[in-house]
């Protein structure tokens, strides 16, 4: 089983937390790229390092959690154990590096173009994943 990642642009965290699959009244759908098994830290970072001809480092791609909101995360072991099994804080990806990998150059070009459009509009890139 692999993890699938979609990258999309949005103006802020609140907007990014909306479902990219559901159209919003009067607003076009999210501008997105399906990147299958390209996670936002390891594989995307390696692709960016390759494109920039620079050494890879885990800090090459900065990430921030949008959902589940970090403000509601359990703070203690007791709070963690009290969460229901289907809690979004307990569900999470297990990255199988390069397990489901689309042609890298096409996806890298699509991600580059998405990032450019986001920068032009003053937006950030977001990543949604599912197992």
N, C-alpha and C. Protein backbone atom coordinates (compact mmCIF):
# COMPACT_ATOMS: atom_id res chain seq x y z
N UNK A 1 0.85 -1.16 0.00
CA UNK A 1 0.00 0.00 0.00
C UNK A 1 0.90 1.23 0.00
N UNK A 2 0.55 2.20 -0.80
CA UNK A 2 1.32 3.43 -0.87
C UNK A 2 0.54 4.62 -0.35
N UNK A 3 1.22 5.73 -0.30
CA UNK A 3 0.61 6.98 0.10
C UNK A 3 0.53 7.85 -1.14
N UNK A 4 -0.60 8.49 -1.36
CA UNK A 4 -0.78 9.34 -2.53
C UNK A 4 -0.83 10.79 -2.10
N UNK A 5 -0.11 11.65 -2.82
CA UNK A 5 -0.01 13.07 -2.48
C UNK A 5 -0.54 13.92 -3.61
N UNK A 6 -1.30 14.94 -3.26
CA UNK A 6 -1.74 15.97 -4.20
C UNK A 6 -1.20 17.29 -3.68
N UNK A 7 -0.66 18.09 -4.56
CA UNK A 7 -0.17 19.41 -4.19
C UNK A 7 -1.10 20.44 -4.81
N UNK A 8 -1.44 21.46 -4.05
CA UNK A 8 -2.34 22.49 -4.54
C UNK A 8 -1.98 23.82 -3.91
N UNK A 9 -2.50 24.88 -4.51
CA UNK A 9 -2.21 26.20 -3.98
C UNK A 9 -3.46 26.79 -3.36
N UNK A 10 -3.25 27.59 -2.31
CA UNK A 10 -4.36 28.26 -1.63
C UNK A 10 -3.82 29.52 -0.98
N UNK A 11 -4.70 30.45 -0.72
CA UNK A 11 -4.30 31.75 -0.20
C UNK A 11 -3.91 31.71 1.28
N UNK A 12 -4.51 30.77 2.05
CA UNK A 12 -4.19 30.69 3.48
C UNK A 12 -4.51 29.30 4.00
N UNK A 13 -4.18 29.07 5.29
CA UNK A 13 -4.39 27.75 5.90
C UNK A 13 -5.86 27.36 5.95
N UNK A 14 -6.73 28.33 6.26
CA UNK A 14 -8.16 28.02 6.35
C UNK A 14 -8.68 27.52 5.01
N UNK A 15 -8.31 28.22 3.94
CA UNK A 15 -8.73 27.81 2.61
C UNK A 15 -8.10 26.47 2.25
N UNK A 16 -6.84 26.29 2.61
CA UNK A 16 -6.14 25.03 2.29
C UNK A 16 -6.77 23.85 3.00
N UNK A 17 -7.39 24.07 4.15
CA UNK A 17 -7.99 22.98 4.91
C UNK A 17 -9.33 22.53 4.32
N UNK A 18 -9.91 23.33 3.41
CA UNK A 18 -11.14 22.91 2.73
C UNK A 18 -10.80 21.74 1.82
N UNK A 19 -11.79 20.95 1.50
CA UNK A 19 -11.55 19.81 0.63
C UNK A 19 -11.26 20.29 -0.80
N UNK A 20 -10.10 19.95 -1.34
CA UNK A 20 -9.78 20.36 -2.71
C UNK A 20 -10.70 19.72 -3.74
N UNK A 21 -11.41 18.66 -3.37
CA UNK A 21 -12.29 17.97 -4.32
C UNK A 21 -13.67 18.60 -4.43
N UNK A 22 -14.05 19.45 -3.48
CA UNK A 22 -15.39 20.00 -3.52
C UNK A 22 -15.37 21.42 -4.07
N UNK A 23 -16.15 21.68 -5.12
CA UNK A 23 -16.18 23.03 -5.67
C UNK A 23 -16.81 24.00 -4.68
N UNK A 24 -16.29 25.21 -4.64
CA UNK A 24 -16.81 26.24 -3.76
C UNK A 24 -17.64 27.21 -4.58
N UNK A 25 -18.73 27.69 -4.04
CA UNK A 25 -19.63 28.58 -4.77
C UNK A 25 -18.89 29.82 -5.25
N UNK A 26 -18.90 30.02 -6.55
CA UNK A 26 -18.30 31.21 -7.14
C UNK A 26 -16.78 31.19 -7.17
N UNK A 27 -16.17 30.10 -6.74
CA UNK A 27 -14.70 30.03 -6.71
C UNK A 27 -14.28 28.82 -7.54
N UNK A 28 -13.31 29.00 -8.44
CA UNK A 28 -12.88 27.85 -9.23
C UNK A 28 -12.24 26.77 -8.36
N UNK A 29 -12.22 25.53 -8.83
CA UNK A 29 -11.60 24.46 -8.06
C UNK A 29 -10.12 24.74 -7.86
N UNK A 30 -9.55 24.01 -6.94
CA UNK A 30 -8.14 24.19 -6.62
C UNK A 30 -7.27 23.85 -7.82
N UNK A 31 -6.22 24.64 -7.99
CA UNK A 31 -5.18 24.38 -8.98
C UNK A 31 -4.26 23.36 -8.33
N UNK A 32 -4.20 22.15 -8.88
CA UNK A 32 -3.50 21.06 -8.18
C UNK A 32 -2.69 20.20 -9.14
N UNK A 33 -1.77 19.44 -8.55
CA UNK A 33 -0.95 18.46 -9.26
C UNK A 33 -1.05 17.15 -8.50
N UNK A 34 -1.39 16.05 -9.20
CA UNK A 34 -1.38 14.73 -8.58
C UNK A 34 0.05 14.22 -8.65
N UNK A 35 0.65 13.97 -7.50
CA UNK A 35 2.06 13.57 -7.48
C UNK A 35 2.26 12.16 -6.92
N UNK A 36 1.20 11.39 -6.84
CA UNK A 36 1.24 9.99 -6.39
C UNK A 36 2.11 9.80 -5.16
N UNK A 37 3.31 9.24 -5.28
CA UNK A 37 4.14 8.90 -4.13
C UNK A 37 5.20 9.90 -3.76
N UNK A 38 5.07 11.15 -4.20
CA UNK A 38 6.10 12.15 -3.90
C UNK A 38 5.72 12.90 -2.63
N UNK A 39 6.33 12.50 -1.52
CA UNK A 39 6.03 13.14 -0.24
C UNK A 39 6.67 14.52 -0.20
N UNK A 40 6.17 15.42 0.66
CA UNK A 40 6.64 16.80 0.67
C UNK A 40 8.01 17.02 1.28
N UNK A 41 8.57 16.06 1.97
CA UNK A 41 9.86 16.28 2.62
C UNK A 41 10.99 15.53 1.91
N UNK A 42 10.90 14.21 1.88
CA UNK A 42 12.02 13.41 1.37
C UNK A 42 12.10 13.44 -0.16
N UNK A 43 11.09 12.93 -0.82
CA UNK A 43 11.19 12.79 -2.27
C UNK A 43 11.12 14.14 -2.97
N UNK A 44 10.18 15.01 -2.58
CA UNK A 44 10.13 16.34 -3.19
C UNK A 44 11.43 17.09 -2.93
N UNK A 45 11.95 16.97 -1.72
CA UNK A 45 13.23 17.60 -1.39
C UNK A 45 14.36 17.08 -2.26
N UNK A 46 14.37 15.77 -2.51
CA UNK A 46 15.41 15.19 -3.37
C UNK A 46 15.27 15.68 -4.81
N UNK A 47 14.03 15.79 -5.29
CA UNK A 47 13.81 16.30 -6.65
C UNK A 47 14.25 17.76 -6.76
N UNK A 48 13.93 18.56 -5.75
CA UNK A 48 14.33 19.97 -5.76
C UNK A 48 15.85 20.09 -5.71
N UNK A 49 16.49 19.28 -4.88
CA UNK A 49 17.95 19.29 -4.80
C UNK A 49 18.55 18.92 -6.14
N UNK A 50 17.98 17.92 -6.80
CA UNK A 50 18.47 17.51 -8.12
C UNK A 50 18.30 18.63 -9.13
N UNK A 51 17.14 19.28 -9.13
CA UNK A 51 16.88 20.37 -10.08
C UNK A 51 17.78 21.57 -9.82
N UNK A 52 18.07 21.84 -8.55
CA UNK A 52 18.93 22.98 -8.20
C UNK A 52 20.41 22.65 -8.23
N UNK A 53 20.70 21.34 -8.42
CA UNK A 53 22.08 20.86 -8.36
C UNK A 53 22.74 21.26 -7.05
N UNK A 54 22.02 20.96 -5.96
CA UNK A 54 22.48 21.28 -4.62
C UNK A 54 22.31 20.04 -3.74
N UNK A 55 23.06 19.92 -2.65
CA UNK A 55 22.90 18.76 -1.78
C UNK A 55 21.52 18.73 -1.13
N UNK A 56 20.99 17.53 -0.97
CA UNK A 56 19.70 17.34 -0.32
C UNK A 56 19.87 17.52 1.19
N UNK A 57 18.88 18.15 1.80
CA UNK A 57 18.80 18.26 3.25
C UNK A 57 17.34 18.27 3.63
N UNK A 58 17.00 17.69 4.78
CA UNK A 58 15.59 17.62 5.19
C UNK A 58 14.97 18.99 5.39
N UNK A 59 15.79 20.03 5.50
CA UNK A 59 15.26 21.38 5.67
C UNK A 59 15.11 22.13 4.33
N UNK A 60 15.35 21.45 3.22
CA UNK A 60 15.24 22.07 1.91
C UNK A 60 13.80 22.49 1.60
N UNK A 61 12.84 21.71 2.05
CA UNK A 61 11.43 22.01 1.86
C UNK A 61 10.83 22.26 3.23
N UNK A 62 10.32 23.48 3.46
CA UNK A 62 9.69 23.82 4.74
C UNK A 62 8.23 23.38 4.71
N UNK A 63 7.80 22.74 5.78
CA UNK A 63 6.41 22.29 5.85
C UNK A 63 5.75 22.77 7.13
N UNK A 64 4.44 22.86 7.08
CA UNK A 64 3.64 23.21 8.25
C UNK A 64 2.35 22.40 8.17
N UNK A 65 1.89 21.88 9.28
CA UNK A 65 0.68 21.07 9.30
C UNK A 65 -0.55 21.96 9.23
N UNK A 66 -1.49 21.58 8.35
CA UNK A 66 -2.75 22.29 8.23
C UNK A 66 -3.86 21.47 8.88
N UNK A 67 -3.87 20.16 8.60
CA UNK A 67 -4.89 19.27 9.17
C UNK A 67 -4.26 17.94 9.51
N UNK A 68 -4.53 17.42 10.66
CA UNK A 68 -5.36 18.02 11.68
C UNK A 68 -4.66 19.23 12.29
N UNK A 69 -5.41 20.19 12.78
CA UNK A 69 -4.80 21.42 13.27
C UNK A 69 -3.83 21.15 14.42
N UNK A 70 -2.63 21.71 14.35
CA UNK A 70 -1.65 21.46 15.40
C UNK A 70 -2.13 21.96 16.77
N UNK A 71 -3.03 22.94 16.77
CA UNK A 71 -3.53 23.49 18.04
C UNK A 71 -4.31 22.45 18.85
N UNK A 72 -4.89 21.45 18.21
CA UNK A 72 -5.68 20.46 18.93
C UNK A 72 -4.96 19.15 19.19
N UNK A 73 -3.68 19.08 18.85
CA UNK A 73 -2.91 17.84 19.00
C UNK A 73 -2.78 17.47 20.48
N UNK A 74 -2.80 16.17 20.78
CA UNK A 74 -2.63 15.75 22.16
C UNK A 74 -1.27 16.18 22.69
N UNK A 75 -1.26 16.66 23.94
CA UNK A 75 -0.02 17.18 24.54
C UNK A 75 0.66 16.18 25.45
N UNK A 76 -0.08 15.14 25.87
CA UNK A 76 0.50 14.16 26.79
C UNK A 76 0.23 12.75 26.27
N UNK A 77 0.90 11.79 26.84
CA UNK A 77 0.68 10.39 26.48
C UNK A 77 -0.75 10.00 26.83
N UNK A 78 -1.24 10.48 27.95
CA UNK A 78 -2.60 10.16 28.37
C UNK A 78 -3.63 10.69 27.36
N UNK A 79 -3.44 11.92 26.89
CA UNK A 79 -4.34 12.49 25.88
C UNK A 79 -4.27 11.68 24.59
N UNK A 80 -3.08 11.26 24.21
CA UNK A 80 -2.89 10.46 22.99
C UNK A 80 -3.64 9.14 23.11
N UNK A 81 -3.49 8.46 24.24
CA UNK A 81 -4.14 7.17 24.45
C UNK A 81 -5.65 7.30 24.54
N UNK A 82 -6.16 8.47 24.92
CA UNK A 82 -7.59 8.69 25.04
C UNK A 82 -8.26 8.98 23.70
N UNK A 83 -7.47 9.24 22.66
CA UNK A 83 -8.04 9.53 21.35
C UNK A 83 -8.72 8.30 20.77
N UNK A 84 -9.84 8.48 20.06
CA UNK A 84 -10.47 7.34 19.39
C UNK A 84 -9.55 6.83 18.27
N UNK A 85 -9.72 5.58 17.90
CA UNK A 85 -8.85 4.97 16.88
C UNK A 85 -8.92 5.69 15.54
N UNK A 86 -10.07 6.29 15.22
CA UNK A 86 -10.20 6.97 13.93
C UNK A 86 -9.83 8.46 14.01
N UNK A 87 -9.19 8.87 15.08
CA UNK A 87 -8.77 10.25 15.23
C UNK A 87 -7.78 10.62 14.14
N UNK A 88 -7.92 11.80 13.55
CA UNK A 88 -6.96 12.20 12.52
C UNK A 88 -5.54 12.33 13.08
N UNK A 89 -5.41 12.45 14.39
CA UNK A 89 -4.07 12.53 14.98
C UNK A 89 -3.41 11.16 15.05
N UNK A 90 -4.21 10.09 15.02
CA UNK A 90 -3.64 8.74 15.05
C UNK A 90 -3.42 8.19 13.66
N UNK A 91 -4.22 8.65 12.70
CA UNK A 91 -4.03 8.19 11.32
C UNK A 91 -2.88 8.97 10.72
N UNK A 92 -2.11 8.35 9.90
CA UNK A 92 -1.00 9.05 9.28
C UNK A 92 -0.32 8.20 8.25
N UNK A 93 0.46 8.83 7.41
CA UNK A 93 1.10 8.10 6.31
C UNK A 93 2.32 7.32 6.79
N UNK A 94 2.62 6.28 6.08
CA UNK A 94 3.88 5.58 6.24
C UNK A 94 4.53 5.67 4.87
N UNK A 95 5.59 6.38 4.80
CA UNK A 95 6.19 6.70 3.49
C UNK A 95 7.01 5.53 2.99
N UNK A 96 6.67 5.07 1.83
CA UNK A 96 7.46 4.04 1.15
C UNK A 96 8.16 4.76 0.00
N UNK A 97 9.36 5.20 0.25
CA UNK A 97 10.09 6.06 -0.67
C UNK A 97 10.14 5.47 -2.07
N UNK A 98 9.69 6.25 -3.03
CA UNK A 98 9.70 5.91 -4.45
C UNK A 98 8.85 4.68 -4.78
N UNK A 99 7.94 4.27 -3.89
CA UNK A 99 7.17 3.06 -4.14
C UNK A 99 6.17 3.26 -5.29
N UNK A 100 5.50 4.39 -5.29
CA UNK A 100 4.54 4.70 -6.35
C UNK A 100 5.02 6.00 -6.96
N UNK A 101 5.84 5.92 -8.00
CA UNK A 101 6.54 7.10 -8.49
C UNK A 101 6.20 7.38 -9.95
N UNK A 102 5.49 8.47 -10.22
CA UNK A 102 5.19 8.83 -11.61
C UNK A 102 6.46 9.33 -12.29
N UNK A 103 6.43 9.49 -13.59
CA UNK A 103 7.63 10.00 -14.26
C UNK A 103 8.07 11.32 -13.63
N UNK A 104 9.27 11.32 -13.10
CA UNK A 104 9.76 12.42 -12.27
C UNK A 104 9.81 13.75 -13.00
N UNK A 105 10.28 13.77 -14.23
CA UNK A 105 10.43 15.05 -14.92
C UNK A 105 9.09 15.73 -15.18
N UNK A 106 8.06 14.96 -15.54
CA UNK A 106 6.74 15.54 -15.79
C UNK A 106 6.18 16.13 -14.50
N UNK A 107 6.24 15.38 -13.42
CA UNK A 107 5.70 15.85 -12.15
C UNK A 107 6.50 17.04 -11.64
N UNK A 108 7.81 16.98 -11.76
CA UNK A 108 8.64 18.10 -11.32
C UNK A 108 8.28 19.36 -12.09
N UNK A 109 8.07 19.26 -13.40
CA UNK A 109 7.68 20.42 -14.21
C UNK A 109 6.31 20.94 -13.78
N UNK A 110 5.36 20.03 -13.50
CA UNK A 110 4.03 20.45 -13.06
C UNK A 110 4.10 21.14 -11.70
N UNK A 111 4.91 20.59 -10.79
CA UNK A 111 5.06 21.21 -9.48
C UNK A 111 5.73 22.57 -9.59
N UNK A 112 6.73 22.69 -10.45
CA UNK A 112 7.40 23.97 -10.68
C UNK A 112 6.39 25.00 -11.17
N UNK A 113 5.57 24.63 -12.14
CA UNK A 113 4.58 25.56 -12.68
C UNK A 113 3.53 25.94 -11.64
N UNK A 114 3.11 24.96 -10.83
CA UNK A 114 2.15 25.24 -9.76
C UNK A 114 2.75 26.22 -8.76
N UNK A 115 4.02 26.01 -8.40
CA UNK A 115 4.70 26.92 -7.46
C UNK A 115 4.82 28.32 -8.03
N UNK A 116 5.09 28.43 -9.29
CA UNK A 116 5.17 29.76 -9.93
C UNK A 116 3.82 30.47 -9.89
N UNK A 117 2.74 29.73 -10.20
CA UNK A 117 1.41 30.34 -10.17
C UNK A 117 1.06 30.78 -8.76
N UNK A 118 1.41 29.96 -7.77
CA UNK A 118 1.14 30.31 -6.38
C UNK A 118 1.91 31.57 -5.99
N UNK A 119 3.17 31.64 -6.35
CA UNK A 119 3.99 32.82 -6.01
C UNK A 119 3.42 34.07 -6.67
N UNK A 120 3.00 33.97 -7.93
CA UNK A 120 2.44 35.11 -8.64
C UNK A 120 1.16 35.63 -7.97
N UNK A 121 0.40 34.73 -7.34
CA UNK A 121 -0.86 35.11 -6.69
C UNK A 121 -0.70 35.35 -5.19
N UNK A 122 0.53 35.27 -4.68
CA UNK A 122 0.75 35.48 -3.25
C UNK A 122 0.24 34.33 -2.40
N UNK A 123 0.20 33.14 -2.97
CA UNK A 123 -0.32 31.96 -2.28
C UNK A 123 0.83 31.04 -1.86
N UNK A 124 0.48 29.99 -1.11
CA UNK A 124 1.44 28.97 -0.69
C UNK A 124 1.02 27.65 -1.31
N UNK A 125 1.95 26.69 -1.34
CA UNK A 125 1.62 25.34 -1.79
C UNK A 125 1.25 24.50 -0.59
N UNK A 126 0.29 23.61 -0.79
CA UNK A 126 -0.16 22.70 0.25
C UNK A 126 -0.14 21.29 -0.31
N UNK A 127 -0.05 20.31 0.58
CA UNK A 127 -0.02 18.92 0.19
C UNK A 127 -1.09 18.18 0.97
N UNK A 128 -1.92 17.43 0.24
CA UNK A 128 -2.92 16.56 0.86
C UNK A 128 -2.52 15.14 0.55
N UNK A 129 -2.63 14.26 1.52
CA UNK A 129 -2.26 12.87 1.26
C UNK A 129 -3.31 11.92 1.78
N UNK A 130 -3.33 10.74 1.20
CA UNK A 130 -4.21 9.68 1.67
C UNK A 130 -3.49 8.35 1.53
N UNK A 131 -3.86 7.44 2.39
CA UNK A 131 -3.23 6.11 2.39
C UNK A 131 -4.09 5.17 1.59
